[in-house]
Each structure stands twice: as C-alpha cells, then as structure tokens.
Amino acid sequence: MKKKTINVQGLSITIEQVKEDDYISLTDIAKVNADDPAYVIQNWMKNNNTIRYLYRWEEIHNPAINPIHLDDLLKTANDNRRIISPKMWIETVHAIGLQWKTGRGGGTLAHKDIALNFCYWLSPEFQIYLIKEFQRLKEEEFSKKSLEWHISRITNLVDETRNWLDTIPGQNPDRNRLNFLEEKD
C-alpha cells in the first residue's frame, strides 16, 4: 500500500491507496478534537445515521456484504451502553469501506467517501479544509502522470521518426540505425 500525507490545519493525515481507491486515516482526523481517537470514532459509529450510511455505502460498493446482522447493529447503535468498533463492523458485515490495523502505524482507515462523512460529523469546517487539501493532492498526482505520459509520447514519436528516416533510400549505410541493429543480431 502506497502512503501519502497531507497537512490539514497543522494536522498530518495519512492517505493510503488500497487497490484502486484512496483510504484516509480516521485515526489521524479524530486527533483534531481529542487525544483518544478510538473513542471519537466509536462515538461516530454509535450514531444510527452513521450505521445506515455505512451500510448503504457497502451495499453499493461491496458485493460480498453480509446484511443479516444489520438490525442487530442498528439496535446496538441505539443503546448507549454498547459500543460498535470499526473491527466489529468489518467482521460482522464483511465491510470493505473501513480498514482496521493494529500496532505501530495502525488505526482506522476509511474510503474517501466515508472519511468525508466522518469529517462532516466531526467538524464541517475541518471537512472543507480536508477536501481542499485532498483535491490539491489529486491535481498534483494528475499533473505528474500527465507529464509522464507526454514525455513517454514524445519519446515514442522521436523513435518512430528516427525509424522512418532510416528507411529513406540513398542514406549513408553507416548512419542507418536499422542496419546497425540487424548487424548486432
């Protein structure tokens, strides 16, 4: 997994690429308001609307979702004495929108759509700054890929032109690259 970091209001936020999608660290985002990010994420997941959002997201993006336990999770979200953790959600529903890791560099990662939902719940102002910084990162990546593509295209055109020029009759045979390549074989 390829990791990147963006800085939003003085807070470093990790972005990892999982398959083709960007996953943003909810653990890093939660540090904007608290010292214990796990507690903030669990509070977000206790919200009935959050569980419904996560379920709908999984329903759209995850063909292997397990919908059987959704009613139990919704009841758990309504009970102030019970906790829904990212690990519990992932294992119960077979979720792909959240990723949970232990150890150093671990924490909760969420697909960018889910991370924006979390930001909206946490702080709409912070969400605006995160979106702005994330878009800047994507534009930077796009321009780099675009530049690489253009350089590759120019190199290919130069090679094609050289090969075409080498086929012109009456050239000095010593300068003909195609003859030189044939002699090497």
N, C-alpha and C. Protein backbone atom coordinates (compact mmCIF):
# COMPACT_ATOMS: atom_id res chain seq x y z
N MET A 1 0.84 -1.18 0.00
CA MET A 1 0.00 0.00 0.00
C MET A 1 0.88 1.24 0.00
N LYS A 2 0.58 2.12 -0.88
CA LYS A 2 1.31 3.36 -1.03
C LYS A 2 0.75 4.41 -0.09
N LYS A 3 1.63 5.01 0.74
CA LYS A 3 1.17 6.00 1.71
C LYS A 3 1.57 7.41 1.28
N LYS A 4 0.66 8.34 1.54
CA LYS A 4 0.91 9.77 1.32
C LYS A 4 0.42 10.49 2.56
N THR A 5 0.87 11.71 2.73
CA THR A 5 0.43 12.51 3.86
C THR A 5 0.03 13.89 3.36
N ILE A 6 -1.10 14.38 3.89
CA ILE A 6 -1.49 15.76 3.63
C ILE A 6 -1.54 16.48 4.97
N ASN A 7 -1.38 17.79 4.92
CA ASN A 7 -1.42 18.59 6.13
C ASN A 7 -2.68 19.45 6.10
N VAL A 8 -3.55 19.24 7.08
CA VAL A 8 -4.81 19.99 7.16
C VAL A 8 -4.85 20.69 8.50
N GLN A 9 -4.79 21.99 8.49
CA GLN A 9 -4.83 22.81 9.70
C GLN A 9 -3.78 22.33 10.73
N GLY A 10 -2.57 22.06 10.24
CA GLY A 10 -1.47 21.65 11.12
C GLY A 10 -1.51 20.20 11.54
N LEU A 11 -2.42 19.41 11.02
CA LEU A 11 -2.56 18.01 11.38
C LEU A 11 -2.15 17.14 10.19
N SER A 12 -1.22 16.21 10.40
CA SER A 12 -0.80 15.30 9.33
C SER A 12 -1.80 14.16 9.22
N ILE A 13 -2.30 13.96 8.03
CA ILE A 13 -3.30 12.93 7.79
C ILE A 13 -2.77 11.98 6.72
N THR A 14 -2.77 10.70 7.06
CA THR A 14 -2.25 9.67 6.17
C THR A 14 -3.32 9.24 5.17
N ILE A 15 -2.89 9.07 3.92
CA ILE A 15 -3.75 8.54 2.87
C ILE A 15 -3.03 7.35 2.28
N GLU A 16 -3.72 6.21 2.25
CA GLU A 16 -3.15 5.00 1.68
C GLU A 16 -3.98 4.57 0.49
N GLN A 17 -3.29 4.03 -0.50
CA GLN A 17 -4.02 3.50 -1.65
C GLN A 17 -4.25 2.02 -1.42
N VAL A 18 -5.51 1.62 -1.40
CA VAL A 18 -5.91 0.23 -1.25
C VAL A 18 -6.56 -0.16 -2.57
N LYS A 19 -5.93 -1.09 -3.27
CA LYS A 19 -6.33 -1.45 -4.62
C LYS A 19 -6.32 -0.17 -5.46
N GLU A 20 -7.45 0.27 -5.93
CA GLU A 20 -7.50 1.48 -6.77
C GLU A 20 -8.01 2.71 -6.03
N ASP A 21 -8.39 2.55 -4.76
CA ASP A 21 -9.05 3.63 -4.04
C ASP A 21 -8.17 4.24 -2.96
N ASP A 22 -8.47 5.50 -2.63
CA ASP A 22 -7.78 6.19 -1.55
C ASP A 22 -8.53 5.98 -0.25
N TYR A 23 -7.79 5.59 0.78
CA TYR A 23 -8.34 5.43 2.13
C TYR A 23 -7.63 6.43 3.03
N ILE A 24 -8.42 7.16 3.79
CA ILE A 24 -7.91 8.24 4.64
C ILE A 24 -8.00 7.80 6.09
N SER A 25 -6.99 8.14 6.87
CA SER A 25 -6.93 7.73 8.27
C SER A 25 -7.94 8.50 9.12
N LEU A 26 -8.94 7.79 9.62
CA LEU A 26 -9.90 8.39 10.55
C LEU A 26 -9.21 8.66 11.88
N THR A 27 -8.24 7.82 12.21
CA THR A 27 -7.49 7.99 13.46
C THR A 27 -6.78 9.35 13.46
N ASP A 28 -6.15 9.69 12.34
CA ASP A 28 -5.48 11.00 12.24
C ASP A 28 -6.49 12.15 12.30
N ILE A 29 -7.59 12.00 11.59
CA ILE A 29 -8.61 13.05 11.57
C ILE A 29 -9.19 13.27 12.96
N ALA A 30 -9.44 12.18 13.69
CA ALA A 30 -10.07 12.28 15.02
C ALA A 30 -9.19 13.05 16.01
N LYS A 31 -7.92 13.15 15.73
CA LYS A 31 -7.00 13.87 16.62
C LYS A 31 -7.25 15.38 16.62
N VAL A 32 -8.06 15.84 15.70
CA VAL A 32 -8.36 17.28 15.63
C VAL A 32 -9.13 17.73 16.87
N ASN A 33 -9.91 16.84 17.45
CA ASN A 33 -10.75 17.22 18.59
C ASN A 33 -10.46 16.46 19.88
N ALA A 34 -9.62 15.43 19.85
CA ALA A 34 -9.45 14.61 21.05
C ALA A 34 -8.08 13.95 21.09
N ASP A 35 -7.70 13.57 22.29
CA ASP A 35 -6.45 12.83 22.47
C ASP A 35 -6.64 11.34 22.22
N ASP A 36 -7.86 10.85 22.35
CA ASP A 36 -8.15 9.43 22.16
C ASP A 36 -9.02 9.25 20.91
N PRO A 37 -8.38 9.09 19.75
CA PRO A 37 -9.14 8.99 18.50
C PRO A 37 -10.08 7.79 18.44
N ALA A 38 -9.70 6.68 19.06
CA ALA A 38 -10.56 5.48 19.02
C ALA A 38 -11.92 5.78 19.64
N TYR A 39 -11.92 6.54 20.71
CA TYR A 39 -13.17 6.91 21.39
C TYR A 39 -14.04 7.78 20.48
N VAL A 40 -13.44 8.71 19.77
CA VAL A 40 -14.18 9.59 18.86
C VAL A 40 -14.80 8.77 17.73
N ILE A 41 -14.03 7.83 17.17
CA ILE A 41 -14.53 7.00 16.07
C ILE A 41 -15.68 6.12 16.55
N GLN A 42 -15.56 5.56 17.75
CA GLN A 42 -16.63 4.74 18.30
C GLN A 42 -17.90 5.56 18.54
N ASN A 43 -17.75 6.80 19.00
CA ASN A 43 -18.93 7.66 19.18
C ASN A 43 -19.61 7.93 17.84
N TRP A 44 -18.83 8.16 16.81
CA TRP A 44 -19.39 8.37 15.46
C TRP A 44 -20.16 7.14 15.02
N MET A 45 -19.60 5.95 15.31
CA MET A 45 -20.22 4.71 14.87
C MET A 45 -21.45 4.34 15.71
N LYS A 46 -21.64 4.99 16.84
CA LYS A 46 -22.84 4.74 17.66
C LYS A 46 -24.06 5.45 17.08
N ASN A 47 -23.83 6.38 16.18
CA ASN A 47 -24.91 7.14 15.58
C ASN A 47 -25.67 6.25 14.60
N ASN A 48 -26.97 6.19 14.75
CA ASN A 48 -27.82 5.38 13.89
C ASN A 48 -27.65 5.77 12.42
N ASN A 49 -27.58 7.05 12.14
CA ASN A 49 -27.40 7.51 10.75
C ASN A 49 -26.06 7.08 10.18
N THR A 50 -25.04 7.02 11.01
CA THR A 50 -23.72 6.56 10.55
C THR A 50 -23.80 5.11 10.11
N ILE A 51 -24.43 4.27 10.93
CA ILE A 51 -24.55 2.86 10.58
C ILE A 51 -25.35 2.69 9.29
N ARG A 52 -26.43 3.46 9.15
CA ARG A 52 -27.21 3.40 7.91
C ARG A 52 -26.38 3.84 6.70
N TYR A 53 -25.58 4.91 6.88
CA TYR A 53 -24.72 5.39 5.80
C TYR A 53 -23.68 4.32 5.42
N LEU A 54 -23.02 3.77 6.44
CA LEU A 54 -22.00 2.74 6.18
C LEU A 54 -22.61 1.54 5.47
N TYR A 55 -23.79 1.15 5.92
CA TYR A 55 -24.45 0.01 5.29
C TYR A 55 -24.79 0.30 3.82
N ARG A 56 -25.36 1.45 3.54
CA ARG A 56 -25.70 1.81 2.15
C ARG A 56 -24.45 1.89 1.28
N TRP A 57 -23.37 2.44 1.85
CA TRP A 57 -22.11 2.52 1.10
C TRP A 57 -21.64 1.12 0.75
N GLU A 58 -21.66 0.23 1.73
CA GLU A 58 -21.23 -1.15 1.48
C GLU A 58 -22.14 -1.84 0.48
N GLU A 59 -23.43 -1.59 0.58
CA GLU A 59 -24.40 -2.19 -0.32
C GLU A 59 -24.09 -1.83 -1.78
N ILE A 60 -23.67 -0.60 -2.00
CA ILE A 60 -23.36 -0.13 -3.36
C ILE A 60 -22.00 -0.64 -3.85
N HIS A 61 -21.00 -0.66 -2.96
CA HIS A 61 -19.63 -0.94 -3.37
C HIS A 61 -19.12 -2.35 -3.07
N ASN A 62 -19.84 -3.10 -2.27
CA ASN A 62 -19.33 -4.38 -1.80
C ASN A 62 -20.30 -5.51 -2.12
N PRO A 63 -20.01 -6.32 -3.13
CA PRO A 63 -20.93 -7.42 -3.46
C PRO A 63 -20.94 -8.54 -2.41
N ALA A 64 -19.94 -8.57 -1.53
CA ALA A 64 -19.84 -9.64 -0.53
C ALA A 64 -20.38 -9.22 0.84
N ILE A 65 -21.16 -8.16 0.89
CA ILE A 65 -21.68 -7.66 2.18
C ILE A 65 -22.59 -8.70 2.83
N ASN A 66 -22.56 -8.73 4.15
CA ASN A 66 -23.40 -9.63 4.93
C ASN A 66 -24.48 -8.81 5.62
N PRO A 67 -25.69 -8.73 5.06
CA PRO A 67 -26.73 -7.86 5.61
C PRO A 67 -27.49 -8.44 6.81
N ILE A 68 -27.23 -9.69 7.15
CA ILE A 68 -28.01 -10.38 8.16
C ILE A 68 -27.97 -9.68 9.52
N HIS A 69 -26.82 -9.14 9.90
CA HIS A 69 -26.65 -8.57 11.24
C HIS A 69 -26.93 -7.07 11.32
N LEU A 70 -27.44 -6.48 10.26
CA LEU A 70 -27.67 -5.04 10.26
C LEU A 70 -28.65 -4.62 11.35
N ASP A 71 -29.74 -5.33 11.52
CA ASP A 71 -30.72 -4.96 12.55
C ASP A 71 -30.08 -4.97 13.94
N ASP A 72 -29.25 -5.98 14.21
CA ASP A 72 -28.56 -6.04 15.50
C ASP A 72 -27.65 -4.83 15.69
N LEU A 73 -26.95 -4.44 14.62
CA LEU A 73 -26.05 -3.28 14.72
C LEU A 73 -26.83 -1.99 14.92
N LEU A 74 -27.99 -1.87 14.27
CA LEU A 74 -28.81 -0.68 14.47
C LEU A 74 -29.33 -0.59 15.90
N LYS A 75 -29.70 -1.74 16.48
CA LYS A 75 -30.13 -1.76 17.88
C LYS A 75 -28.97 -1.39 18.80
N THR A 76 -27.79 -1.88 18.47
CA THR A 76 -26.59 -1.56 19.26
C THR A 76 -26.29 -0.08 19.19
N ALA A 77 -26.49 0.51 18.02
CA ALA A 77 -26.24 1.95 17.86
C ALA A 77 -27.19 2.78 18.72
N ASN A 78 -28.37 2.27 18.99
CA ASN A 78 -29.35 2.99 19.81
C ASN A 78 -29.16 2.78 21.31
N ASP A 79 -28.34 1.82 21.68
CA ASP A 79 -28.10 1.50 23.09
C ASP A 79 -26.82 2.20 23.55
N ASN A 80 -26.96 3.17 24.46
CA ASN A 80 -25.80 3.94 24.93
C ASN A 80 -24.77 3.10 25.68
N ARG A 81 -25.16 1.92 26.13
CA ARG A 81 -24.24 1.08 26.89
C ARG A 81 -23.37 0.22 26.02
N ARG A 82 -23.67 0.11 24.73
CA ARG A 82 -22.93 -0.77 23.83
C ARG A 82 -22.08 0.03 22.87
N ILE A 83 -21.03 -0.58 22.42
CA ILE A 83 -20.07 0.09 21.54
C ILE A 83 -19.98 -0.67 20.22
N ILE A 84 -19.94 0.08 19.13
CA ILE A 84 -19.66 -0.50 17.82
C ILE A 84 -18.28 0.01 17.43
N SER A 85 -17.36 -0.90 17.28
CA SER A 85 -16.00 -0.52 16.89
C SER A 85 -15.83 -0.78 15.40
N PRO A 86 -14.83 -0.15 14.78
CA PRO A 86 -14.57 -0.45 13.37
C PRO A 86 -14.31 -1.94 13.14
N LYS A 87 -13.57 -2.57 14.06
CA LYS A 87 -13.27 -4.00 13.94
C LYS A 87 -14.57 -4.81 13.94
N MET A 88 -15.46 -4.48 14.85
CA MET A 88 -16.75 -5.18 14.94
C MET A 88 -17.55 -5.02 13.65
N TRP A 89 -17.59 -3.79 13.13
CA TRP A 89 -18.31 -3.51 11.89
C TRP A 89 -17.74 -4.32 10.73
N ILE A 90 -16.41 -4.31 10.60
CA ILE A 90 -15.74 -5.01 9.49
C ILE A 90 -16.02 -6.51 9.56
N GLU A 91 -15.88 -7.08 10.75
CA GLU A 91 -16.06 -8.53 10.90
C GLU A 91 -17.53 -8.95 10.74
N THR A 92 -18.44 -8.15 11.24
CA THR A 92 -19.86 -8.51 11.20
C THR A 92 -20.44 -8.39 9.80
N VAL A 93 -20.12 -7.31 9.12
CA VAL A 93 -20.74 -7.02 7.82
C VAL A 93 -19.85 -7.44 6.64
N HIS A 94 -18.62 -7.82 6.93
CA HIS A 94 -17.62 -8.11 5.88
C HIS A 94 -17.36 -6.84 5.06
N ALA A 95 -17.18 -5.75 5.78
CA ALA A 95 -17.05 -4.43 5.17
C ALA A 95 -15.71 -4.25 4.47
N ILE A 96 -15.74 -3.45 3.41
CA ILE A 96 -14.50 -3.08 2.71
C ILE A 96 -14.26 -1.57 2.79
N GLY A 97 -15.23 -0.81 3.23
CA GLY A 97 -15.12 0.65 3.29
C GLY A 97 -14.26 1.13 4.45
N LEU A 98 -14.14 0.30 5.49
CA LEU A 98 -13.27 0.60 6.62
C LEU A 98 -12.16 -0.44 6.68
N GLN A 99 -11.00 0.00 7.09
CA GLN A 99 -9.86 -0.90 7.30
C GLN A 99 -9.37 -0.63 8.72
N TRP A 100 -9.03 -1.68 9.43
CA TRP A 100 -8.58 -1.53 10.81
C TRP A 100 -7.27 -2.28 10.97
N LYS A 101 -6.27 -1.59 11.53
CA LYS A 101 -4.94 -2.18 11.72
C LYS A 101 -4.49 -1.99 13.16
N THR A 102 -3.76 -2.96 13.65
CA THR A 102 -3.20 -2.83 14.99
C THR A 102 -1.72 -2.48 14.89
N GLY A 103 -1.15 -2.12 16.02
CA GLY A 103 0.29 -1.88 16.08
C GLY A 103 0.69 -0.49 15.64
N ARG A 104 1.99 -0.30 15.53
CA ARG A 104 2.54 0.98 15.14
C ARG A 104 2.09 1.32 13.72
N GLY A 105 1.60 2.52 13.53
CA GLY A 105 1.09 2.93 12.22
C GLY A 105 -0.30 2.39 11.95
N GLY A 106 -0.89 1.77 12.96
CA GLY A 106 -2.23 1.20 12.80
C GLY A 106 -3.29 2.26 13.04
N GLY A 107 -4.51 1.81 13.12
CA GLY A 107 -5.64 2.69 13.32
C GLY A 107 -6.74 2.35 12.34
N THR A 108 -7.65 3.26 12.18
CA THR A 108 -8.80 3.05 11.30
C THR A 108 -8.64 3.90 10.05
N LEU A 109 -8.73 3.25 8.91
CA LEU A 109 -8.73 3.93 7.61
C LEU A 109 -10.12 3.78 7.02
N ALA A 110 -10.53 4.76 6.25
CA ALA A 110 -11.84 4.69 5.60
C ALA A 110 -11.72 5.17 4.16
N HIS A 111 -12.53 4.57 3.32
CA HIS A 111 -12.63 5.03 1.93
C HIS A 111 -12.90 6.53 1.97
N LYS A 112 -12.43 7.25 0.98
CA LYS A 112 -12.55 8.72 1.00
C LYS A 112 -13.99 9.19 1.19
N ASP A 113 -14.97 8.48 0.64
CA ASP A 113 -16.37 8.86 0.82
C ASP A 113 -16.78 8.80 2.29
N ILE A 114 -16.37 7.73 2.93
CA ILE A 114 -16.71 7.52 4.34
C ILE A 114 -15.95 8.51 5.21
N ALA A 115 -14.69 8.77 4.86
CA ALA A 115 -13.89 9.73 5.63
C ALA A 115 -14.52 11.12 5.59
N LEU A 116 -15.08 11.50 4.46
CA LEU A 116 -15.75 12.81 4.37
C LEU A 116 -17.01 12.85 5.22
N ASN A 117 -17.72 11.73 5.30
CA ASN A 117 -18.89 11.65 6.17
C ASN A 117 -18.47 11.81 7.63
N PHE A 118 -17.36 11.17 7.99
CA PHE A 118 -16.83 11.29 9.35
C PHE A 118 -16.45 12.74 9.64
N CYS A 119 -15.80 13.40 8.69
CA CYS A 119 -15.41 14.80 8.87
C CYS A 119 -16.63 15.69 9.06
N TYR A 120 -17.67 15.44 8.29
CA TYR A 120 -18.88 16.24 8.43
C TYR A 120 -19.46 16.11 9.83
N TRP A 121 -19.45 14.88 10.37
CA TRP A 121 -19.95 14.65 11.72
C TRP A 121 -19.05 15.33 12.74
N LEU A 122 -17.75 15.27 12.51
CA LEU A 122 -16.78 15.79 13.46
C LEU A 122 -16.69 17.31 13.44
N SER A 123 -16.51 17.86 12.22
CA SER A 123 -16.36 19.30 12.07
C SER A 123 -16.51 19.68 10.60
N PRO A 124 -17.65 20.27 10.24
CA PRO A 124 -17.83 20.68 8.84
C PRO A 124 -16.73 21.61 8.34
N GLU A 125 -16.23 22.48 9.22
CA GLU A 125 -15.14 23.38 8.83
C GLU A 125 -13.89 22.57 8.47
N PHE A 126 -13.55 21.59 9.30
CA PHE A 126 -12.39 20.74 9.03
C PHE A 126 -12.60 19.97 7.73
N GLN A 127 -13.84 19.54 7.47
CA GLN A 127 -14.15 18.81 6.24
C GLN A 127 -13.81 19.66 5.02
N ILE A 128 -14.15 20.93 5.05
CA ILE A 128 -13.87 21.82 3.92
C ILE A 128 -12.37 21.90 3.66
N TYR A 129 -11.59 22.05 4.73
CA TYR A 129 -10.14 22.13 4.56
C TYR A 129 -9.55 20.80 4.08
N LEU A 130 -10.10 19.69 4.55
CA LEU A 130 -9.64 18.38 4.11
C LEU A 130 -9.92 18.19 2.62
N ILE A 131 -11.11 18.54 2.20
CA ILE A 131 -11.47 18.41 0.78
C ILE A 131 -10.52 19.24 -0.08
N LYS A 132 -10.29 20.46 0.34
CA LYS A 132 -9.40 21.35 -0.42
C LYS A 132 -7.99 20.75 -0.55
N GLU A 133 -7.46 20.24 0.54
CA GLU A 133 -6.11 19.67 0.53
C GLU A 133 -6.06 18.37 -0.26
N PHE A 134 -7.10 17.54 -0.15
CA PHE A 134 -7.18 16.29 -0.88
C PHE A 134 -7.24 16.56 -2.39
N GLN A 135 -8.04 17.55 -2.78
CA GLN A 135 -8.12 17.91 -4.20
C GLN A 135 -6.79 18.42 -4.72
N ARG A 136 -6.08 19.19 -3.90
CA ARG A 136 -4.75 19.67 -4.30
C ARG A 136 -3.81 18.49 -4.56
N LEU A 137 -3.84 17.49 -3.67
CA LEU A 137 -3.02 16.30 -3.83
C LEU A 137 -3.36 15.57 -5.12
N LYS A 138 -4.65 15.41 -5.40
CA LYS A 138 -5.08 14.70 -6.61
C LYS A 138 -4.67 15.45 -7.88
N GLU A 139 -4.79 16.78 -7.85
CA GLU A 139 -4.36 17.58 -9.01
C GLU A 139 -2.86 17.45 -9.24
N GLU A 140 -2.10 17.42 -8.15
CA GLU A 140 -0.65 17.25 -8.23
C GLU A 140 -0.31 15.88 -8.83
N GLU A 141 -0.99 14.83 -8.38
CA GLU A 141 -0.78 13.50 -8.92
C GLU A 141 -1.15 13.44 -10.40
N PHE A 142 -2.26 14.06 -10.76
CA PHE A 142 -2.71 14.06 -12.15
C PHE A 142 -1.71 14.77 -13.04
N SER A 143 -1.21 15.92 -12.61
CA SER A 143 -0.26 16.65 -13.46
C SER A 143 1.04 15.88 -13.61
N LYS A 144 1.45 15.15 -12.57
CA LYS A 144 2.66 14.34 -12.66
C LYS A 144 2.46 13.21 -13.66
N LYS A 145 1.29 12.51 -13.57
CA LYS A 145 1.00 11.43 -14.51
C LYS A 145 0.88 11.97 -15.93
N SER A 146 0.27 13.14 -16.06
CA SER A 146 0.10 13.75 -17.37
C SER A 146 1.46 14.09 -17.97
N LEU A 147 2.35 14.65 -17.17
CA LEU A 147 3.70 14.97 -17.64
C LEU A 147 4.44 13.71 -18.05
N GLU A 148 4.33 12.63 -17.25
CA GLU A 148 4.99 11.37 -17.60
C GLU A 148 4.44 10.81 -18.91
N TRP A 149 3.12 10.93 -19.10
CA TRP A 149 2.51 10.44 -20.33
C TRP A 149 3.03 11.23 -21.53
N HIS A 150 3.09 12.57 -21.40
CA HIS A 150 3.57 13.39 -22.50
C HIS A 150 5.02 13.09 -22.84
N ILE A 151 5.85 12.92 -21.85
CA ILE A 151 7.26 12.60 -22.09
C ILE A 151 7.37 11.25 -22.80
N SER A 152 6.58 10.27 -22.35
CA SER A 152 6.59 8.96 -22.99
C SER A 152 6.12 9.06 -24.44
N ARG A 153 5.10 9.85 -24.68
CA ARG A 153 4.57 10.03 -26.04
C ARG A 153 5.60 10.70 -26.95
N ILE A 154 6.28 11.73 -26.45
CA ILE A 154 7.30 12.42 -27.23
C ILE A 154 8.45 11.47 -27.56
N THR A 155 8.88 10.69 -26.58
CA THR A 155 9.95 9.73 -26.80
C THR A 155 9.56 8.72 -27.88
N ASN A 156 8.33 8.23 -27.82
CA ASN A 156 7.85 7.29 -28.84
C ASN A 156 7.82 7.93 -30.22
N LEU A 157 7.38 9.19 -30.30
CA LEU A 157 7.34 9.88 -31.59
C LEU A 157 8.74 10.09 -32.16
N VAL A 158 9.69 10.42 -31.30
CA VAL A 158 11.07 10.60 -31.75
C VAL A 158 11.61 9.28 -32.29
N ASP A 159 11.36 8.18 -31.60
CA ASP A 159 11.81 6.86 -32.07
C ASP A 159 11.16 6.49 -33.39
N GLU A 160 9.85 6.76 -33.50
CA GLU A 160 9.17 6.47 -34.77
C GLU A 160 9.75 7.29 -35.91
N THR A 161 10.04 8.56 -35.66
CA THR A 161 10.62 9.43 -36.69
C THR A 161 11.99 8.94 -37.10
N ARG A 162 12.81 8.57 -36.13
CA ARG A 162 14.14 8.03 -36.44
C ARG A 162 14.03 6.77 -37.29
N ASN A 163 13.13 5.88 -36.92
CA ASN A 163 12.95 4.65 -37.69
C ASN A 163 12.47 4.95 -39.11
N TRP A 164 11.57 5.90 -39.23
CA TRP A 164 11.09 6.27 -40.56
C TRP A 164 12.22 6.87 -41.40
N LEU A 165 13.03 7.75 -40.81
CA LEU A 165 14.14 8.37 -41.53
C LEU A 165 15.17 7.33 -41.96
N ASP A 166 15.34 6.29 -41.16
CA ASP A 166 16.30 5.24 -41.50
C ASP A 166 15.88 4.44 -42.73
N THR A 167 14.63 4.52 -43.12
CA THR A 167 14.15 3.76 -44.28
C THR A 167 14.30 4.53 -45.59
N ILE A 168 14.72 5.79 -45.54
CA ILE A 168 14.87 6.61 -46.75
C ILE A 168 16.05 6.09 -47.56
N PRO A 169 15.81 5.78 -48.86
CA PRO A 169 16.91 5.26 -49.70
C PRO A 169 17.98 6.33 -49.94
N GLY A 170 19.18 5.87 -50.21
CA GLY A 170 20.27 6.77 -50.54
C GLY A 170 20.99 7.32 -49.32
N GLN A 171 20.69 6.83 -48.16
CA GLN A 171 21.38 7.30 -46.96
C GLN A 171 22.74 6.62 -46.84
N ASN A 172 23.58 7.24 -46.10
CA ASN A 172 24.85 6.64 -45.78
C ASN A 172 24.56 5.41 -44.93
N PRO A 173 24.93 4.20 -45.38
CA PRO A 173 24.60 2.98 -44.65
C PRO A 173 25.17 2.95 -43.23
N ASP A 174 26.25 3.68 -43.00
CA ASP A 174 26.84 3.70 -41.66
C ASP A 174 25.93 4.43 -40.66
N ARG A 175 25.08 5.34 -41.17
CA ARG A 175 24.21 6.11 -40.28
C ARG A 175 22.85 5.44 -40.10
N ASN A 176 22.57 4.39 -40.88
CA ASN A 176 21.26 3.76 -40.82
C ASN A 176 21.17 2.88 -39.57
N ARG A 177 20.34 3.29 -38.63
CA ARG A 177 20.22 2.58 -37.36
C ARG A 177 19.62 1.19 -37.54
N LEU A 178 18.73 1.02 -38.51
CA LEU A 178 18.12 -0.28 -38.71
C LEU A 178 19.17 -1.31 -39.17
N ASN A 179 20.07 -0.88 -40.06
CA ASN A 179 21.15 -1.79 -40.49
C ASN A 179 22.05 -2.13 -39.30
N PHE A 180 22.31 -1.14 -38.47
CA PHE A 180 23.17 -1.35 -37.31
C PHE A 180 22.53 -2.36 -36.34
N LEU A 181 21.24 -2.25 -36.14
CA LEU A 181 20.54 -3.17 -35.25
C LEU A 181 20.52 -4.58 -35.81
N GLU A 182 20.35 -4.73 -37.15
CA GLU A 182 20.33 -6.02 -37.79
C GLU A 182 21.70 -6.70 -37.68
N GLU A 183 22.77 -5.91 -37.79
CA GLU A 183 24.13 -6.46 -37.70
C GLU A 183 24.42 -7.01 -36.31
N LYS A 184 23.82 -6.40 -35.27
CA LYS A 184 24.04 -6.88 -33.89
C LYS A 184 23.43 -8.24 -33.67
N ASP A 185 22.31 -8.52 -34.32
CA ASP A 185 21.63 -9.80 -34.12
C ASP A 185 22.42 -10.88 -34.76
